[in-house]
N, C-alpha and C. Protein backbone atom coordinates (compact mmCIF):
# COMPACT_ATOMS: atom_id res chain seq x y z
N MET A 1 23.42 -27.09 -94.24
CA MET A 1 22.15 -26.69 -94.83
C MET A 1 22.42 -26.09 -96.22
N LEU A 2 21.53 -26.31 -97.11
CA LEU A 2 21.63 -25.83 -98.48
C LEU A 2 21.32 -24.33 -98.54
N ASP A 3 22.18 -23.57 -99.19
CA ASP A 3 21.99 -22.13 -99.37
C ASP A 3 21.52 -21.92 -100.80
N LEU A 4 20.21 -21.80 -100.99
CA LEU A 4 19.66 -21.68 -102.34
C LEU A 4 20.11 -20.40 -103.03
N GLN A 5 20.24 -19.30 -102.28
CA GLN A 5 20.67 -18.05 -102.89
C GLN A 5 22.07 -18.21 -103.48
N LYS A 6 22.96 -18.85 -102.73
CA LYS A 6 24.32 -19.09 -103.22
C LYS A 6 24.28 -20.01 -104.44
N LEU A 7 23.46 -21.04 -104.36
CA LEU A 7 23.32 -21.98 -105.47
C LEU A 7 22.76 -21.28 -106.71
N GLN A 8 21.80 -20.39 -106.52
CA GLN A 8 21.25 -19.62 -107.64
C GLN A 8 22.37 -18.85 -108.35
N GLN A 9 23.23 -18.22 -107.57
CA GLN A 9 24.32 -17.43 -108.15
C GLN A 9 25.34 -18.33 -108.86
N GLU A 10 25.61 -19.51 -108.31
CA GLU A 10 26.52 -20.46 -108.96
C GLU A 10 25.94 -20.93 -110.30
N ILE A 11 24.65 -21.20 -110.31
CA ILE A 11 23.98 -21.65 -111.54
C ILE A 11 24.03 -20.54 -112.59
N LEU A 12 23.74 -19.30 -112.19
CA LEU A 12 23.77 -18.18 -113.11
C LEU A 12 25.19 -17.95 -113.65
N LYS A 13 26.18 -18.05 -112.77
CA LYS A 13 27.58 -17.89 -113.18
C LYS A 13 27.94 -18.95 -114.21
N ASN A 14 27.53 -20.19 -113.99
CA ASN A 14 27.81 -21.28 -114.93
C ASN A 14 27.11 -21.04 -116.27
N LYS A 15 25.85 -20.57 -116.22
CA LYS A 15 25.12 -20.29 -117.46
C LYS A 15 25.86 -19.24 -118.28
N LYS A 16 26.34 -18.19 -117.61
CA LYS A 16 27.06 -17.13 -118.31
C LYS A 16 28.40 -17.63 -118.84
N ALA A 17 29.10 -18.42 -118.05
CA ALA A 17 30.41 -18.95 -118.45
C ALA A 17 30.30 -19.85 -119.67
N LYS A 18 29.18 -20.56 -119.78
CA LYS A 18 28.98 -21.50 -120.89
C LYS A 18 28.17 -20.87 -122.02
N ASP A 19 27.88 -19.59 -121.89
CA ASP A 19 27.13 -18.83 -122.89
C ASP A 19 25.72 -19.39 -123.12
N PHE A 20 25.09 -19.85 -122.02
CA PHE A 20 23.71 -20.29 -122.09
C PHE A 20 22.81 -19.06 -121.99
N ASN A 21 21.55 -19.24 -122.30
CA ASN A 21 20.58 -18.16 -122.26
C ASN A 21 20.47 -17.57 -120.84
N THR A 22 20.52 -16.25 -120.77
CA THR A 22 20.24 -15.55 -119.51
C THR A 22 19.39 -14.31 -119.74
N THR A 23 18.88 -14.14 -120.96
CA THR A 23 18.12 -12.92 -121.27
C THR A 23 16.71 -13.20 -121.80
N ASP A 24 16.51 -14.30 -122.47
CA ASP A 24 15.21 -14.60 -123.07
C ASP A 24 14.38 -15.39 -122.05
N ILE A 25 13.54 -14.67 -121.33
CA ILE A 25 12.76 -15.28 -120.24
C ILE A 25 11.76 -16.30 -120.79
N ASN A 26 11.12 -15.99 -121.91
CA ASN A 26 10.17 -16.95 -122.49
C ASN A 26 10.88 -18.26 -122.84
N LEU A 27 12.05 -18.17 -123.42
CA LEU A 27 12.83 -19.37 -123.74
C LEU A 27 13.17 -20.14 -122.47
N GLU A 28 13.57 -19.43 -121.44
CA GLU A 28 13.97 -20.09 -120.19
C GLU A 28 12.79 -20.83 -119.55
N PHE A 29 11.60 -20.21 -119.60
CA PHE A 29 10.41 -20.92 -119.11
C PHE A 29 10.15 -22.17 -119.94
N GLY A 30 10.30 -22.06 -121.24
CA GLY A 30 10.10 -23.21 -122.12
C GLY A 30 11.09 -24.32 -121.83
N LEU A 31 12.35 -23.97 -121.63
CA LEU A 31 13.37 -24.97 -121.33
C LEU A 31 13.10 -25.63 -119.97
N THR A 32 12.64 -24.84 -119.02
CA THR A 32 12.30 -25.38 -117.70
C THR A 32 11.15 -26.37 -117.81
N TYR A 33 10.15 -26.00 -118.59
CA TYR A 33 9.01 -26.89 -118.83
C TYR A 33 9.49 -28.19 -119.49
N GLY A 34 10.42 -28.06 -120.43
CA GLY A 34 10.97 -29.24 -121.10
C GLY A 34 11.67 -30.17 -120.13
N GLU A 35 12.39 -29.60 -119.18
CA GLU A 35 13.06 -30.42 -118.17
C GLU A 35 12.05 -31.16 -117.29
N LEU A 36 10.95 -30.49 -116.97
CA LEU A 36 9.90 -31.15 -116.18
C LEU A 36 9.28 -32.29 -116.98
N ALA A 37 9.08 -32.07 -118.26
CA ALA A 37 8.53 -33.13 -119.13
C ALA A 37 9.49 -34.32 -119.18
N GLU A 38 10.80 -34.04 -119.24
CA GLU A 38 11.78 -35.12 -119.25
C GLU A 38 11.74 -35.90 -117.94
N ALA A 39 11.57 -35.20 -116.83
CA ALA A 39 11.48 -35.87 -115.53
C ALA A 39 10.24 -36.75 -115.47
N PHE A 40 9.14 -36.25 -115.99
CA PHE A 40 7.90 -37.03 -115.99
C PHE A 40 8.06 -38.28 -116.85
N ALA A 41 8.71 -38.13 -118.00
CA ALA A 41 8.95 -39.29 -118.87
C ALA A 41 9.82 -40.31 -118.16
N ALA A 42 10.84 -39.85 -117.45
CA ALA A 42 11.72 -40.76 -116.71
C ALA A 42 10.94 -41.49 -115.62
N TYR A 43 10.03 -40.78 -114.96
CA TYR A 43 9.18 -41.40 -113.95
C TYR A 43 8.30 -42.48 -114.56
N ARG A 44 7.65 -42.15 -115.67
CA ARG A 44 6.75 -43.11 -116.32
C ARG A 44 7.49 -44.35 -116.80
N LYS A 45 8.73 -44.17 -117.24
CA LYS A 45 9.53 -45.29 -117.73
C LYS A 45 10.28 -46.00 -116.62
N LYS A 46 10.08 -45.52 -115.38
CA LYS A 46 10.81 -46.06 -114.23
C LYS A 46 12.32 -46.03 -114.47
N SER A 47 12.77 -44.94 -115.07
CA SER A 47 14.17 -44.75 -115.42
C SER A 47 15.02 -44.53 -114.16
N PRO A 48 16.21 -45.10 -114.13
CA PRO A 48 17.09 -44.90 -112.97
C PRO A 48 17.63 -43.48 -112.86
N ASP A 49 17.50 -42.68 -113.91
CA ASP A 49 18.01 -41.31 -113.85
C ASP A 49 16.93 -40.29 -113.48
N LEU A 50 15.85 -40.74 -112.87
CA LEU A 50 14.78 -39.82 -112.45
C LEU A 50 15.31 -38.74 -111.52
N GLY A 51 16.15 -39.10 -110.58
CA GLY A 51 16.71 -38.12 -109.65
C GLY A 51 17.49 -37.04 -110.37
N GLU A 52 18.27 -37.44 -111.36
CA GLU A 52 19.04 -36.47 -112.14
C GLU A 52 18.11 -35.56 -112.94
N GLU A 53 17.04 -36.13 -113.47
CA GLU A 53 16.08 -35.31 -114.22
C GLU A 53 15.39 -34.30 -113.30
N LEU A 54 15.04 -34.73 -112.09
CA LEU A 54 14.44 -33.80 -111.14
C LEU A 54 15.44 -32.71 -110.75
N ALA A 55 16.71 -33.08 -110.61
CA ALA A 55 17.74 -32.09 -110.32
C ALA A 55 17.81 -31.05 -111.43
N ASP A 56 17.69 -31.50 -112.69
CA ASP A 56 17.69 -30.56 -113.82
C ASP A 56 16.55 -29.56 -113.69
N VAL A 57 15.38 -30.03 -113.27
CA VAL A 57 14.22 -29.14 -113.11
C VAL A 57 14.55 -28.06 -112.07
N VAL A 58 15.10 -28.48 -110.95
CA VAL A 58 15.43 -27.53 -109.88
C VAL A 58 16.51 -26.56 -110.34
N ILE A 59 17.51 -27.06 -111.05
CA ILE A 59 18.57 -26.20 -111.56
C ILE A 59 18.00 -25.13 -112.49
N TYR A 60 17.11 -25.54 -113.38
CA TYR A 60 16.50 -24.55 -114.28
C TYR A 60 15.65 -23.55 -113.51
N LEU A 61 14.91 -24.00 -112.51
CA LEU A 61 14.10 -23.08 -111.71
C LEU A 61 14.98 -22.09 -110.95
N LEU A 62 16.04 -22.60 -110.36
CA LEU A 62 16.95 -21.71 -109.63
C LEU A 62 17.63 -20.72 -110.57
N GLY A 63 17.99 -21.19 -111.75
CA GLY A 63 18.59 -20.30 -112.74
C GLY A 63 17.62 -19.23 -113.19
N LEU A 64 16.39 -19.62 -113.44
CA LEU A 64 15.37 -18.66 -113.85
C LEU A 64 15.14 -17.62 -112.76
N ALA A 65 15.07 -18.08 -111.51
CA ALA A 65 14.90 -17.15 -110.40
C ALA A 65 16.08 -16.19 -110.31
N ALA A 66 17.29 -16.68 -110.54
CA ALA A 66 18.47 -15.81 -110.50
C ALA A 66 18.41 -14.77 -111.62
N ILE A 67 18.03 -15.21 -112.81
CA ILE A 67 17.90 -14.28 -113.94
C ILE A 67 16.90 -13.18 -113.61
N LEU A 68 15.82 -13.55 -112.94
CA LEU A 68 14.76 -12.60 -112.60
C LEU A 68 15.02 -11.86 -111.29
N ASP A 69 16.18 -12.15 -110.66
CA ASP A 69 16.57 -11.53 -109.40
C ASP A 69 15.54 -11.78 -108.30
N ILE A 70 15.11 -13.04 -108.20
CA ILE A 70 14.16 -13.46 -107.17
C ILE A 70 14.90 -14.39 -106.22
N ASP A 71 14.84 -14.08 -104.93
CA ASP A 71 15.44 -14.93 -103.90
C ASP A 71 14.47 -16.09 -103.66
N LEU A 72 14.71 -17.19 -104.36
CA LEU A 72 13.76 -18.30 -104.32
C LEU A 72 13.68 -18.94 -102.94
N GLU A 73 14.79 -18.97 -102.21
CA GLU A 73 14.77 -19.53 -100.86
C GLU A 73 13.78 -18.75 -99.99
N LYS A 74 13.86 -17.43 -100.03
CA LYS A 74 12.95 -16.57 -99.26
C LYS A 74 11.50 -16.80 -99.69
N GLU A 75 11.28 -16.90 -101.00
CA GLU A 75 9.92 -17.10 -101.51
C GLU A 75 9.35 -18.46 -101.11
N ILE A 76 10.20 -19.48 -101.11
CA ILE A 76 9.75 -20.82 -100.72
C ILE A 76 9.36 -20.83 -99.25
N VAL A 77 10.21 -20.25 -98.41
CA VAL A 77 9.91 -20.21 -96.97
C VAL A 77 8.60 -19.47 -96.73
N LYS A 78 8.41 -18.32 -97.40
CA LYS A 78 7.15 -17.56 -97.26
C LYS A 78 5.95 -18.40 -97.69
N LYS A 79 6.09 -19.11 -98.80
CA LYS A 79 4.97 -19.90 -99.34
C LYS A 79 4.64 -21.09 -98.44
N VAL A 80 5.67 -21.73 -97.89
CA VAL A 80 5.42 -22.85 -96.98
C VAL A 80 4.64 -22.37 -95.76
N GLU A 81 5.03 -21.23 -95.22
CA GLU A 81 4.32 -20.68 -94.06
C GLU A 81 2.88 -20.31 -94.43
N LYS A 82 2.69 -19.74 -95.60
CA LYS A 82 1.34 -19.40 -96.06
C LYS A 82 0.48 -20.66 -96.20
N ASN A 83 1.07 -21.70 -96.79
CA ASN A 83 0.33 -22.95 -96.99
C ASN A 83 -0.06 -23.61 -95.67
N LYS A 84 0.78 -23.46 -94.65
CA LYS A 84 0.48 -24.04 -93.33
C LYS A 84 -0.81 -23.45 -92.76
N LYS A 85 -1.08 -22.19 -93.06
CA LYS A 85 -2.24 -21.49 -92.50
C LYS A 85 -3.52 -21.74 -93.29
N ARG A 86 -3.39 -22.28 -94.48
CA ARG A 86 -4.57 -22.54 -95.30
C ARG A 86 -5.33 -23.74 -94.78
N GLU A 87 -6.63 -23.71 -94.95
CA GLU A 87 -7.48 -24.83 -94.54
C GLU A 87 -8.15 -25.41 -95.78
N TYR A 88 -8.29 -26.72 -95.77
CA TYR A 88 -8.87 -27.42 -96.90
C TYR A 88 -9.96 -28.36 -96.42
N LYS A 89 -10.88 -28.65 -97.32
CA LYS A 89 -11.95 -29.61 -97.05
C LYS A 89 -12.14 -30.43 -98.31
N LYS A 90 -12.39 -31.72 -98.14
CA LYS A 90 -12.66 -32.57 -99.30
C LYS A 90 -14.07 -32.26 -99.81
N ILE A 91 -14.13 -31.86 -101.06
CA ILE A 91 -15.40 -31.62 -101.72
C ILE A 91 -15.40 -32.46 -102.99
N ASN A 92 -16.31 -33.41 -103.05
CA ASN A 92 -16.36 -34.36 -104.17
C ASN A 92 -15.01 -35.05 -104.37
N GLY A 93 -14.36 -35.38 -103.25
CA GLY A 93 -13.11 -36.11 -103.31
C GLY A 93 -11.89 -35.27 -103.66
N VAL A 94 -12.08 -33.96 -103.74
CA VAL A 94 -10.96 -33.07 -104.10
C VAL A 94 -10.71 -32.10 -102.95
N ASN A 95 -9.43 -32.00 -102.56
CA ASN A 95 -9.08 -31.01 -101.54
C ASN A 95 -9.34 -29.61 -102.09
N THR A 96 -10.20 -28.87 -101.41
CA THR A 96 -10.57 -27.54 -101.84
C THR A 96 -10.27 -26.56 -100.71
N ARG A 97 -9.58 -25.49 -101.04
CA ARG A 97 -9.23 -24.50 -100.04
C ARG A 97 -10.48 -23.83 -99.52
N THR A 98 -10.59 -23.78 -98.18
CA THR A 98 -11.75 -23.12 -97.57
C THR A 98 -11.35 -21.88 -96.79
N LYS A 99 -10.06 -21.78 -96.45
CA LYS A 99 -9.58 -20.60 -95.73
C LYS A 99 -8.17 -20.30 -96.18
N ASP A 100 -7.92 -19.03 -96.51
CA ASP A 100 -6.62 -18.60 -96.99
C ASP A 100 -6.00 -17.64 -95.99
N GLU A 101 -5.51 -18.16 -94.90
CA GLU A 101 -4.87 -17.42 -93.79
C GLU A 101 -5.86 -16.96 -92.84
């Protein structure tokens, strides 16, 4: 099983070792957004490196969470459980939340 907390620390260690940004949060959000844009472009172009681009997005998210000292694995598990309890109804063809736990 994948240990996201361990992976977060490995990503942060690599960022520090390579002297990548670990302090400018606004920059890190921007870089993460850029990686998502690259993944979307790869998808639209049916590029064979789409998987690698998506991996970059996850790496940046995990790195950002590590910088912010957020246990992303714990947060994901909590959010998945929260989403399971939500109820939705199609309104004008759009899933709309009708109950939040």
